[in-house]
Amino acid sequence: METTRQQKVNSLLQKDLAEILLREVIVPNTMVSVTRVNVTPDMSIARVNLSIFAVKDKAGVLKQIQTKKSEIRYLLGERVKNQLRVVPDLQFFLDDSLDRMERIDELLKE
């Protein structure tokens, strides 16, 4: 069960990470959406779920984003420095729920 503080931090990080990934950390010809952020109770780690569109090699794009993790964390720190004392460590995961939903729809149509 998440605390109210965790929920607020999750929302803040989701909004700011989405803007950072969209505007500042550009992955060519790819649309990246932050679907969910979960911070640990001690606020030290943020698990970030990403949906990646318009590309075949989603794992490769995720790897590119992971290599830029320190840059993303720095940019995030610049945005949330007045709300959080410490910027959580970022862990990125691929959210394939939309792909699974699409696949289920295809199977149901057959």
PDB file of N, CA and C in Angstrom:
ATOM      1  N   MET A   1       0.845  -1.191   0.000  1.00  0.00           N
ATOM      2  CA  MET A   1       0.000   0.000   0.000  1.00  0.00           C
ATOM      3  C   MET A   1       0.885   1.248   0.000  1.00  0.00           C
ATOM      4  N   GLU A   2       0.626   2.128  -0.945  1.00  0.00           N
ATOM      5  CA  GLU A   2       1.426   3.346  -1.056  1.00  0.00           C
ATOM      6  C   GLU A   2       0.888   4.432  -0.143  1.00  0.00           C
ATOM      7  N   THR A   3       1.808   5.212   0.407  1.00  0.00           N
ATOM      8  CA  THR A   3       1.404   6.355   1.215  1.00  0.00           C
ATOM      9  C   THR A   3       1.009   7.503   0.296  1.00  0.00           C
ATOM     10  N   THR A   4       0.372   8.496   0.864  1.00  0.00           N
ATOM     11  CA  THR A   4      -0.016   9.677   0.092  1.00  0.00           C
ATOM     12  C   THR A   4       1.231  10.371  -0.464  1.00  0.00           C
ATOM     13  N   ARG A   5       2.279  10.419   0.319  1.00  0.00           N
ATOM     14  CA  ARG A   5       3.535  11.040  -0.115  1.00  0.00           C
ATOM     15  C   ARG A   5       4.111  10.292  -1.321  1.00  0.00           C
ATOM     16  N   GLN A   6       4.112   8.965  -1.261  1.00  0.00           N
ATOM     17  CA  GLN A   6       4.612   8.185  -2.390  1.00  0.00           C
ATOM     18  C   GLN A   6       3.789   8.451  -3.647  1.00  0.00           C
ATOM     19  N   GLN A   7       2.483   8.520  -3.501  1.00  0.00           N
ATOM     20  CA  GLN A   7       1.625   8.776  -4.654  1.00  0.00           C
ATOM     21  C   GLN A   7       1.914  10.131  -5.274  1.00  0.00           C
ATOM     22  N   LYS A   8       2.131  11.133  -4.434  1.00  0.00           N
ATOM     23  CA  LYS A   8       2.446  12.471  -4.956  1.00  0.00           C
ATOM     24  C   LYS A   8       3.801  12.480  -5.666  1.00  0.00           C
ATOM     25  N   VAL A   9       4.783  11.806  -5.067  1.00  0.00           N
ATOM     26  CA  VAL A   9       6.110  11.748  -5.681  1.00  0.00           C
ATOM     27  C   VAL A   9       6.044  10.962  -6.990  1.00  0.00           C
ATOM     28  N   ASN A  10       5.280   9.869  -7.009  1.00  0.00           N
ATOM     29  CA  ASN A  10       5.104   9.097  -8.242  1.00  0.00           C
ATOM     30  C   ASN A  10       4.557   9.968  -9.365  1.00  0.00           C
ATOM     31  N   SER A  11       3.522  10.739  -9.064  1.00  0.00           N
ATOM     32  CA  SER A  11       2.910  11.613 -10.075  1.00  0.00           C
ATOM     33  C   SER A  11       3.882  12.684 -10.552  1.00  0.00           C
ATOM     34  N   LEU A  12       4.596  13.290  -9.603  1.00  0.00           N
ATOM     35  CA  LEU A  12       5.565  14.330  -9.941  1.00  0.00           C
ATOM     36  C   LEU A  12       6.653  13.776 -10.848  1.00  0.00           C
ATOM     37  N   LEU A  13       7.212  12.628 -10.473  1.00  0.00           N
ATOM     38  CA  LEU A  13       8.286  12.035 -11.266  1.00  0.00           C
ATOM     39  C   LEU A  13       7.789  11.591 -12.636  1.00  0.00           C
ATOM     40  N   GLN A  14       6.583  11.038 -12.702  1.00  0.00           N
ATOM     41  CA  GLN A  14       6.039  10.597 -13.981  1.00  0.00           C
ATOM     42  C   GLN A  14       5.900  11.767 -14.949  1.00  0.00           C
ATOM     43  N   LYS A  15       5.354  12.866 -14.464  1.00  0.00           N
ATOM     44  CA  LYS A  15       5.173  14.050 -15.309  1.00  0.00           C
ATOM     45  C   LYS A  15       6.519  14.604 -15.778  1.00  0.00           C
ATOM     46  N   ASP A  16       7.448  14.757 -14.852  1.00  0.00           N
ATOM     47  CA  ASP A  16       8.741  15.347 -15.203  1.00  0.00           C
ATOM     48  C   ASP A  16       9.580  14.422 -16.080  1.00  0.00           C
ATOM     49  N   LEU A  17       9.566  13.119 -15.794  1.00  0.00           N
ATOM     50  CA  LEU A  17      10.319  12.187 -16.634  1.00  0.00           C
ATOM     51  C   LEU A  17       9.755  12.138 -18.053  1.00  0.00           C
ATOM     52  N   ALA A  18       8.444  12.204 -18.181  1.00  0.00           N
ATOM     53  CA  ALA A  18       7.833  12.205 -19.518  1.00  0.00           C
ATOM     54  C   ALA A  18       8.312  13.412 -20.320  1.00  0.00           C
ATOM     55  N   GLU A  19       8.342  14.572 -19.681  1.00  0.00           N
ATOM     56  CA  GLU A  19       8.808  15.782 -20.377  1.00  0.00           C
ATOM     57  C   GLU A  19      10.288  15.678 -20.729  1.00  0.00           C
ATOM     58  N   ILE A  20      11.093  15.161 -19.813  1.00  0.00           N
ATOM     59  CA  ILE A  20      12.529  15.022 -20.071  1.00  0.00           C
ATOM     60  C   ILE A  20      12.765  14.076 -21.243  1.00  0.00           C
ATOM     61  N   LEU A  21      12.103  12.922 -21.228  1.00  0.00           N
ATOM     62  CA  LEU A  21      12.306  11.950 -22.306  1.00  0.00           C
ATOM     63  C   LEU A  21      11.785  12.472 -23.635  1.00  0.00           C
ATOM     64  N   LEU A  22      10.739  13.266 -23.601  1.00  0.00           N
ATOM     65  CA  LEU A  22      10.163  13.806 -24.828  1.00  0.00           C
ATOM     66  C   LEU A  22      11.004  14.931 -25.413  1.00  0.00           C
ATOM     67  N   ARG A  23      11.488  15.826 -24.572  1.00  0.00           N
ATOM     68  CA  ARG A  23      12.128  17.053 -25.070  1.00  0.00           C
ATOM     69  C   ARG A  23      13.653  17.053 -25.030  1.00  0.00           C
ATOM     70  N   GLU A  24      14.230  16.391 -24.038  1.00  0.00           N
ATOM     71  CA  GLU A  24      15.662  16.570 -23.829  1.00  0.00           C
ATOM     72  C   GLU A  24      16.503  15.334 -24.123  1.00  0.00           C
ATOM     73  N   VAL A  25      15.991  14.158 -23.839  1.00  0.00           N
ATOM     74  CA  VAL A  25      16.714  12.928 -24.130  1.00  0.00           C
ATOM     75  C   VAL A  25      16.036  12.319 -25.348  1.00  0.00           C
ATOM     76  N   ILE A  26      16.534  12.683 -26.496  1.00  0.00           N
ATOM     77  CA  ILE A  26      15.853  12.325 -27.732  1.00  0.00           C
ATOM     78  C   ILE A  26      16.408  11.014 -28.273  1.00  0.00           C
ATOM     79  N   VAL A  27      15.504  10.070 -28.469  1.00  0.00           N
ATOM     80  CA  VAL A  27      15.833   8.815 -29.131  1.00  0.00           C
ATOM     81  C   VAL A  27      15.227   8.930 -30.527  1.00  0.00           C
ATOM     82  N   PRO A  28      16.040   8.902 -31.573  1.00  0.00           N
ATOM     83  CA  PRO A  28      15.545   9.151 -32.936  1.00  0.00           C
ATOM     84  C   PRO A  28      14.398   8.237 -33.355  1.00  0.00           C
ATOM     85  N   ASN A  29      13.388   8.837 -33.989  1.00  0.00           N
ATOM     86  CA  ASN A  29      12.248   8.131 -34.575  1.00  0.00           C
ATOM     87  C   ASN A  29      11.507   7.219 -33.601  1.00  0.00           C
ATOM     88  N   THR A  30      11.444   7.618 -32.355  1.00  0.00           N
ATOM     89  CA  THR A  30      10.795   6.792 -31.345  1.00  0.00           C
ATOM     90  C   THR A  30       9.953   7.660 -30.428  1.00  0.00           C
ATOM     91  N   MET A  31       8.792   7.123 -30.059  1.00  0.00           N
ATOM     92  CA  MET A  31       7.957   7.802 -29.082  1.00  0.00           C
ATOM     93  C   MET A  31       8.009   6.982 -27.796  1.00  0.00           C
ATOM     94  N   VAL A  32       8.382   7.636 -26.706  1.00  0.00           N
ATOM     95  CA  VAL A  32       8.500   6.975 -25.415  1.00  0.00           C
ATOM     96  C   VAL A  32       7.502   7.605 -24.458  1.00  0.00           C
ATOM     97  N   SER A  33       6.734   6.757 -23.779  1.00  0.00           N
ATOM     98  CA  SER A  33       5.739   7.224 -22.828  1.00  0.00           C
ATOM     99  C   SER A  33       6.035   6.613 -21.463  1.00  0.00           C
ATOM    100  N   VAL A  34       5.951   7.427 -20.427  1.00  0.00           N
ATOM    101  CA  VAL A  34       6.139   6.939 -19.062  1.00  0.00           C
ATOM    102  C   VAL A  34       4.762   6.494 -18.570  1.00  0.00           C
ATOM    103  N   THR A  35       4.579   5.191 -18.443  1.00  0.00           N
ATOM    104  CA  THR A  35       3.264   4.673 -18.076  1.00  0.00           C
ATOM    105  C   THR A  35       3.054   4.615 -16.568  1.00  0.00           C
ATOM    106  N   ARG A  36       4.142   4.423 -15.827  1.00  0.00           N
ATOM    107  CA  ARG A  36       3.987   4.325 -14.377  1.00  0.00           C
ATOM    108  C   ARG A  36       5.323   4.537 -13.699  1.00  0.00           C
ATOM    109  N   VAL A  37       5.278   5.159 -12.516  1.00  0.00           N
ATOM    110  CA  VAL A  37       6.460   5.319 -11.678  1.00  0.00           C
ATOM    111  C   VAL A  37       6.088   4.859 -10.270  1.00  0.00           C
ATOM    112  N   ASN A  38       6.943   4.025  -9.690  1.00  0.00           N
ATOM    113  CA  ASN A  38       6.752   3.576  -8.310  1.00  0.00           C
ATOM    114  C   ASN A  38       8.028   3.852  -7.533  1.00  0.00           C
ATOM    115  N   VAL A  39       7.920   4.677  -6.502  1.00  0.00           N
ATOM    116  CA  VAL A  39       9.070   4.902  -5.637  1.00  0.00           C
ATOM    117  C   VAL A  39       8.970   3.971  -4.440  1.00  0.00           C
ATOM    118  N   THR A  40      10.126   3.566  -3.936  1.00  0.00           N
ATOM    119  CA  THR A  40      10.165   2.727  -2.748  1.00  0.00           C
ATOM    120  C   THR A  40       9.764   3.568  -1.536  1.00  0.00           C
ATOM    121  N   PRO A  41       9.344   2.925  -0.438  1.00  0.00           N
ATOM    122  CA  PRO A  41       8.925   3.696   0.743  1.00  0.00           C
ATOM    123  C   PRO A  41       9.983   4.673   1.273  1.00  0.00           C
ATOM    124  N   ASP A  42      11.258   4.341   1.105  1.00  0.00           N
ATOM    125  CA  ASP A  42      12.310   5.254   1.569  1.00  0.00           C
ATOM    126  C   ASP A  42      12.698   6.285   0.517  1.00  0.00           C
ATOM    127  N   MET A  43      12.012   6.286  -0.631  1.00  0.00           N
ATOM    128  CA  MET A  43      12.204   7.245  -1.731  1.00  0.00           C
ATOM    129  C   MET A  43      13.602   7.183  -2.346  1.00  0.00           C
ATOM    130  N   SER A  44      14.280   6.052  -2.220  1.00  0.00           N
ATOM    131  CA  SER A  44      15.640   5.954  -2.754  1.00  0.00           C
ATOM    132  C   SER A  44      15.679   5.402  -4.178  1.00  0.00           C
ATOM    133  N   ILE A  45      14.655   4.653  -4.568  1.00  0.00           N
ATOM    134  CA  ILE A  45      14.619   4.041  -5.904  1.00  0.00           C
ATOM    135  C   ILE A  45      13.268   4.324  -6.548  1.00  0.00           C
ATOM    136  N   ALA A  46      13.317   4.698  -7.817  1.00  0.00           N
ATOM    137  CA  ALA A  46      12.092   4.890  -8.602  1.00  0.00           C
ATOM    138  C   ALA A  46      12.107   3.894  -9.749  1.00  0.00           C
ATOM    139  N   ARG A  47      11.101   3.046  -9.787  1.00  0.00           N
ATOM    140  CA  ARG A  47      10.956   2.077 -10.875  1.00  0.00           C
ATOM    141  C   ARG A  47      10.061   2.725 -11.934  1.00  0.00           C
ATOM    142  N   VAL A  48      10.620   2.921 -13.113  1.00  0.00           N
ATOM    143  CA  VAL A  48       9.942   3.656 -14.177  1.00  0.00           C
ATOM    144  C   VAL A  48       9.564   2.688 -15.295  1.00  0.00           C
ATOM    145  N   ASN A  49       8.269   2.561 -15.568  1.00  0.00           N
ATOM    146  CA  ASN A  49       7.790   1.715 -16.663  1.00  0.00           C
ATOM    147  C   ASN A  49       7.594   2.574 -17.900  1.00  0.00           C
ATOM    148  N   LEU A  50       8.165   2.128 -19.007  1.00  0.00           N
ATOM    149  CA  LEU A  50       8.119   2.880 -20.260  1.00  0.00           C
ATOM    150  C   LEU A  50       7.420   2.077 -21.342  1.00  0.00           C
ATOM    151  N   SER A  51       6.570   2.742 -22.109  1.00  0.00           N
ATOM    152  CA  SER A  51       6.014   2.168 -23.331  1.00  0.00           C
ATOM    153  C   SER A  51       6.753   2.819 -24.489  1.00  0.00           C
ATOM    154  N   ILE A  52       7.231   1.983 -25.389  1.00  0.00           N
ATOM    155  CA  ILE A  52       8.017   2.475 -26.517  1.00  0.00           C
ATOM    156  C   ILE A  52       7.255   2.130 -27.788  1.00  0.00           C
ATOM    157  N   PHE A  53       7.022   3.153 -28.621  1.00  0.00           N
ATOM    158  CA  PHE A  53       6.216   3.002 -29.826  1.00  0.00           C
ATOM    159  C   PHE A  53       7.052   3.268 -31.073  1.00  0.00           C
ATOM    160  N   ALA A  54       6.551   2.802 -32.193  1.00  0.00           N
ATOM    161  CA  ALA A  54       7.095   3.102 -33.527  1.00  0.00           C
ATOM    162  C   ALA A  54       8.522   2.610 -33.738  1.00  0.00           C
ATOM    163  N   VAL A  55       8.832   1.469 -33.113  1.00  0.00           N
ATOM    164  CA  VAL A  55      10.160   0.892 -33.308  1.00  0.00           C
ATOM    165  C   VAL A  55      10.068  -0.620 -33.078  1.00  0.00           C
ATOM    166  N   LYS A  56      10.853  -1.368 -33.821  1.00  0.00           N
ATOM    167  CA  LYS A  56      10.845  -2.831 -33.682  1.00  0.00           C
ATOM    168  C   LYS A  56      11.701  -3.281 -32.489  1.00  0.00           C
ATOM    169  N   ASP A  57      12.866  -2.669 -32.326  1.00  0.00           N
ATOM    170  CA  ASP A  57      13.815  -3.075 -31.289  1.00  0.00           C
ATOM    171  C   ASP A  57      13.592  -2.271 -30.008  1.00  0.00           C
ATOM    172  N   LYS A  58      12.555  -2.612 -29.267  1.00  0.00           N
ATOM    173  CA  LYS A  58      12.224  -1.880 -28.048  1.00  0.00           C
ATOM    174  C   LYS A  58      13.277  -2.077 -26.975  1.00  0.00           C
ATOM    175  N   ALA A  59      13.855  -3.262 -26.912  1.00  0.00           N
ATOM    176  CA  ALA A  59      14.900  -3.532 -25.924  1.00  0.00           C
ATOM    177  C   ALA A  59      16.133  -2.664 -26.194  1.00  0.00           C
ATOM    178  N   GLY A  60      16.432  -2.437 -27.459  1.00  0.00           N
ATOM    179  CA  GLY A  60      17.564  -1.576 -27.813  1.00  0.00           C
ATOM    180  C   GLY A  60      17.335  -0.135 -27.396  1.00  0.00           C
ATOM    181  N   VAL A  61      16.112   0.349 -27.580  1.00  0.00           N
ATOM    182  CA  VAL A  61      15.775   1.717 -27.170  1.00  0.00           C
ATOM    183  C   VAL A  61      15.849   1.829 -25.647  1.00  0.00           C
ATOM    184  N   LEU A  62      15.345   0.801 -24.954  1.00  0.00           N
ATOM    185  CA  LEU A  62      15.417   0.797 -23.496  1.00  0.00           C
ATOM    186  C   LEU A  62      16.870   0.830 -23.031  1.00  0.00           C
ATOM    187  N   LYS A  63      17.728   0.094 -23.717  1.00  0.00           N
ATOM    188  CA  LYS A  63      19.161   0.081 -23.374  1.00  0.00           C
ATOM    189  C   LYS A  63      19.775   1.470 -23.586  1.00  0.00           C
ATOM    190  N   GLN A  64      19.371   2.154 -24.673  1.00  0.00           N
ATOM    191  CA  GLN A  64      19.852   3.515 -24.935  1.00  0.00           C
ATOM    192  C   GLN A  64      19.456   4.447 -23.794  1.00  0.00           C
ATOM    193  N   ILE A  65      18.207   4.325 -23.357  1.00  0.00           N
ATOM    194  CA  ILE A  65      17.718   5.174 -22.264  1.00  0.00           C
ATOM    195  C   ILE A  65      18.473   4.852 -20.982  1.00  0.00           C
ATOM    196  N   GLN A  66      18.735   3.572 -20.739  1.00  0.00           N
ATOM    197  CA  GLN A  66      19.460   3.189 -19.529  1.00  0.00           C
ATOM    198  C   GLN A  66      20.884   3.714 -19.526  1.00  0.00           C
ATOM    199  N   THR A  67      21.504   3.828 -20.701  1.00  0.00           N
ATOM    200  CA  THR A  67      22.865   4.370 -20.749  1.00  0.00           C
ATOM    201  C   THR A  67      22.879   5.871 -20.447  1.00  0.00           C
ATOM    202  N   LYS A  68      21.737   6.527 -20.641  1.00  0.00           N
ATOM    203  CA  LYS A  68      21.627   7.960 -20.355  1.00  0.00           C
ATOM    204  C   LYS A  68      21.017   8.224 -18.981  1.00  0.00           C
ATOM    205  N   LYS A  69      20.992   7.201 -18.124  1.00  0.00           N
ATOM    206  CA  LYS A  69      20.328   7.290 -16.828  1.00  0.00           C
ATOM    207  C   LYS A  69      20.871   8.428 -15.963  1.00  0.00           C
ATOM    208  N   SER A  70      22.184   8.602 -15.929  1.00  0.00           N
ATOM    209  CA  SER A  70      22.753   9.661 -15.084  1.00  0.00           C
ATOM    210  C   SER A  70      22.365  11.046 -15.598  1.00  0.00           C
ATOM    211  N   GLU A  71      22.324  11.217 -16.923  1.00  0.00           N
ATOM    212  CA  GLU A  71      21.898  12.490 -17.507  1.00  0.00           C
ATOM    213  C   GLU A  71      20.422  12.762 -17.181  1.00  0.00           C
ATOM    214  N   ILE A  72      19.600  11.731 -17.295  1.00  0.00           N
ATOM    215  CA  ILE A  72      18.167  11.873 -17.001  1.00  0.00           C
ATOM    216  C   ILE A  72      17.970  12.205 -15.528  1.00  0.00           C
ATOM    217  N   ARG A  73      18.719  11.541 -14.663  1.00  0.00           N
ATOM    218  CA  ARG A  73      18.602  11.793 -13.216  1.00  0.00           C
ATOM    219  C   ARG A  73      19.025  13.226 -12.882  1.00  0.00           C
ATOM    220  N   TYR A  74      20.079  13.717 -13.534  1.00  0.00           N
ATOM    221  CA  TYR A  74      20.524  15.093 -13.319  1.00  0.00           C
ATOM    222  C   TYR A  74      19.437  16.082 -13.746  1.00  0.00           C
ATOM    223  N   LEU A  75      18.878  15.869 -14.943  1.00  0.00           N
ATOM    224  CA  LEU A  75      17.825  16.760 -15.435  1.00  0.00           C
ATOM    225  C   LEU A  75      16.602  16.711 -14.525  1.00  0.00           C
ATOM    226  N   LEU A  76      16.281  15.526 -14.036  1.00  0.00           N
ATOM    227  CA  LEU A  76      15.161  15.377 -13.102  1.00  0.00           C
ATOM    228  C   LEU A  76      15.445  16.135 -11.810  1.00  0.00           C
ATOM    229  N   GLY A  77      16.671  16.042 -11.335  1.00  0.00           N
ATOM    230  CA  GLY A  77      17.064  16.767 -10.121  1.00  0.00           C
ATOM    231  C   GLY A  77      16.910  18.269 -10.265  1.00  0.00           C
ATOM    232  N   GLU A  78      17.226  18.775 -11.442  1.00  0.00           N
ATOM    233  CA  GLU A  78      17.058  20.207 -11.697  1.00  0.00           C
ATOM    234  C   GLU A  78      15.590  20.615 -11.590  1.00  0.00           C
ATOM    235  N   ARG A  79      14.689  19.732 -11.994  1.00  0.00           N
ATOM    236  CA  ARG A  79      13.258  20.044 -11.974  1.00  0.00           C
ATOM    237  C   ARG A  79      12.628  19.882 -10.597  1.00  0.00           C
ATOM    238  N   VAL A  80      13.077  18.901  -9.819  1.00  0.00           N
ATOM    239  CA  VAL A  80      12.412  18.590  -8.551  1.00  0.00           C
ATOM    240  C   VAL A  80      13.217  19.020  -7.329  1.00  0.00           C
ATOM    241  N   LYS A  81      14.229  19.845  -7.525  1.00  0.00           N
ATOM    242  CA  LYS A  81      15.097  20.209  -6.401  1.00  0.00           C
ATOM    243  C   LYS A  81      14.365  20.934  -5.270  1.00  0.00           C
ATOM    244  N   ASN A  82      13.244  21.573  -5.564  1.00  0.00           N
ATOM    245  CA  ASN A  82      12.489  22.263  -4.519  1.00  0.00           C
ATOM    246  C   ASN A  82      11.469  21.352  -3.832  1.00  0.00           C
ATOM    247  N   GLN A  83      11.180  20.193  -4.435  1.00  0.00           N
ATOM    248  CA  GLN A  83      10.198  19.274  -3.860  1.00  0.00           C
ATOM    249  C   GLN A  83      10.837  18.090  -3.139  1.00  0.00           C
ATOM    250  N   LEU A  84      12.003  17.636  -3.617  1.00  0.00           N
ATOM    251  CA  LEU A  84      12.660  16.462  -3.040  1.00  0.00           C
ATOM    252  C   LEU A  84      14.088  16.807  -2.622  1.00  0.00           C
ATOM    253  N   ARG A  85      14.492  16.271  -1.469  1.00  0.00           N
ATOM    254  CA  ARG A  85      15.871  16.486  -1.030  1.00  0.00           C
ATOM    255  C   ARG A  85      16.843  15.641  -1.841  1.00  0.00           C
ATOM    256  N   VAL A  86      16.464  14.382  -2.088  1.00  0.00           N
ATOM    257  CA  VAL A  86      17.320  13.455  -2.815  1.00  0.00           C
ATOM    258  C   VAL A  86      16.544  12.914  -4.011  1.00  0.00           C
ATOM    259  N   VAL A  87      17.181  12.924  -5.168  1.00  0.00           N
ATOM    260  CA  VAL A  87      16.553  12.373  -6.365  1.00  0.00           C
ATOM    261  C   VAL A  87      16.751  10.856  -6.319  1.00  0.00           C
ATOM    262  N   PRO A  88      15.674  10.095  -6.439  1.00  0.00           N
ATOM    263  CA  PRO A  88      15.818   8.639  -6.368  1.00  0.00           C
ATOM    264  C   PRO A  88      16.611   8.075  -7.542  1.00  0.00           C
ATOM    265  N   ASP A  89      17.244   6.933  -7.302  1.00  0.00           N
ATOM    266  CA  ASP A  89      17.923   6.208  -8.361  1.00  0.00           C
ATOM    267  C   ASP A  89      16.848   5.697  -9.322  1.00  0.00           C
ATOM    268  N   LEU A  90      17.108   5.789 -10.611  1.00  0.00           N
ATOM    269  CA  LEU A  90      16.103   5.417 -11.610  1.00  0.00           C
ATOM    270  C   LEU A  90      16.384   4.023 -12.157  1.00  0.00           C
ATOM    271  N   GLN A  91      15.337   3.209 -12.189  1.00  0.00           N
ATOM    272  CA  GLN A  91      15.406   1.896 -12.817  1.00  0.00           C
ATOM    273  C   GLN A  91      14.328   1.860 -13.893  1.00  0.00           C
ATOM    274  N   PHE A  92      14.746   1.604 -15.130  1.00  0.00           N
ATOM    275  CA  PHE A  92      13.819   1.617 -16.255  1.00  0.00           C
ATOM    276  C   PHE A  92      13.411   0.201 -16.646  1.00  0.00           C
ATOM    277  N   PHE A  93      12.116   0.037 -16.908  1.00  0.00           N
ATOM    278  CA  PHE A  93      11.571  -1.254 -17.321  1.00  0.00           C
ATOM    279  C   PHE A  93      10.666  -1.046 -18.527  1.00  0.00           C
ATOM    280  N   LEU A  94      10.599  -2.057 -19.371  1.00  0.00           N
ATOM    281  CA  LEU A  94       9.742  -2.008 -20.550  1.00  0.00           C
ATOM    282  C   LEU A  94       8.333  -2.430 -20.162  1.00  0.00           C
ATOM    283  N   ASP A  95       7.361  -1.594 -20.452  1.00  0.00           N
ATOM    284  CA  ASP A  95       5.953  -1.904 -20.185  1.00  0.00           C
ATOM    285  C   ASP A  95       5.335  -2.386 -21.492  1.00  0.00           C
ATOM    286  N   ASP A  96       5.092  -3.662 -21.571  1.00  0.00           N
ATOM    287  CA  ASP A  96       4.551  -4.221 -22.806  1.00  0.00           C
ATOM    288  C   ASP A  96       3.064  -4.533 -22.699  1.00  0.00           C
ATOM    289  N   SER A  97       2.382  -3.929 -21.767  1.00  0.00           N
ATOM    290  CA  SER A  97       0.951  -4.214 -21.586  1.00  0.00           C
ATOM    291  C   SER A  97       0.121  -3.807 -22.809  1.00  0.00           C
ATOM    292  N   LEU A  98       0.492  -2.712 -23.465  1.00  0.00           N
ATOM    293  CA  LEU A  98      -0.241  -2.294 -24.663  1.00  0.00           C
ATOM    294  C   LEU A  98      -0.046  -3.292 -25.799  1.00  0.00           C
ATOM    295  N   ASP A  99       1.167  -3.826 -25.923  1.00  0.00           N
ATOM    296  CA  ASP A  99       1.426  -4.835 -26.950  1.00  0.00           C
ATOM    297  C   ASP A  99       0.620  -6.100 -26.681  1.00  0.00           C
ATOM    298  N   ARG A 100       0.550  -6.492 -25.409  1.00  0.00           N
ATOM    299  CA  ARG A 100      -0.225  -7.683 -25.060  1.00  0.00           C
ATOM    300  C   ARG A 100      -1.708  -7.471 -25.337  1.00  0.00           C
ATOM    301  N   MET A 101      -2.223  -6.280 -25.032  1.00  0.00           N
ATOM    302  CA  MET A 101      -3.627  -5.973 -25.308  1.00  0.00           C
ATOM    303  C   MET A 101      -3.905  -6.038 -26.808  1.00  0.00           C
ATOM    304  N   GLU A 102      -2.986  -5.485 -27.591  1.00  0.00           N
ATOM    305  CA  GLU A 102      -3.122  -5.504 -29.043  1.00  0.00           C
ATOM    306  C   GLU A 102      -3.143  -6.940 -29.564  1.00  0.00           C
ATOM    307  N   ARG A 103      -2.267  -7.762 -29.027  1.00  0.00           N
ATOM    308  CA  ARG A 103      -2.190  -9.166 -29.441  1.00  0.00           C
ATOM    309  C   ARG A 103      -3.478  -9.911 -29.076  1.00  0.00           C
ATOM    310  N   ILE A 104      -4.026  -9.651 -27.909  1.00  0.00           N
ATOM    311  CA  ILE A 104      -5.275 -10.280 -27.494  1.00  0.00           C
ATOM    312  C   ILE A 104      -6.413  -9.860 -28.414  1.00  0.00           C
ATOM    313  N   ASP A 105      -6.458  -8.564 -28.762  1.00  0.00           N
ATOM    314  CA  ASP A 105      -7.483  -8.084 -29.696  1.00  0.00           C
ATOM    315  C   ASP A 105      -7.378  -8.794 -31.045  1.00  0.00           C
ATOM    316  N   GLU A 106      -6.147  -8.966 -31.526  1.00  0.00           N
ATOM    317  CA  GLU A 106      -5.946  -9.658 -32.803  1.00  0.00           C
ATOM    318  C   GLU A 106      -6.452 -11.094 -32.726  1.00  0.00           C
ATOM    319  N   LEU A 107      -6.142 -11.757 -31.622  1.00  0.00           N
ATOM    320  CA  LEU A 107      -6.582 -13.155 -31.459  1.00  0.00           C
ATOM    321  C   LEU A 107      -8.093 -13.266 -31.367  1.00  0.00           C
ATOM    322  N   LEU A 108      -8.716 -12.309 -30.708  1.00  0.00           N
ATOM    323  CA  LEU A 108     -10.168 -12.328 -30.577  1.00  0.00           C
ATOM    324  C   LEU A 108     -10.866 -12.063 -31.907  1.00  0.00           C
ATOM    325  N   LYS A 109     -10.250 -11.290 -32.767  1.00  0.00           N
ATOM    326  CA  LYS A 109     -10.842 -10.990 -34.069  1.00  0.00           C
ATOM    327  C   LYS A 109     -10.780 -12.182 -35.012  1.00  0.00           C
ATOM    328  N   GLU A 110      -9.861 -13.105 -34.770  1.00  0.00           N
ATOM    329  CA  GLU A 110      -9.708 -14.276 -35.651  1.00  0.00           C
ATOM    330  C   GLU A 110     -10.818 -15.269 -35.504  1.00  0.00           C
TER     331      GLU A 110
END
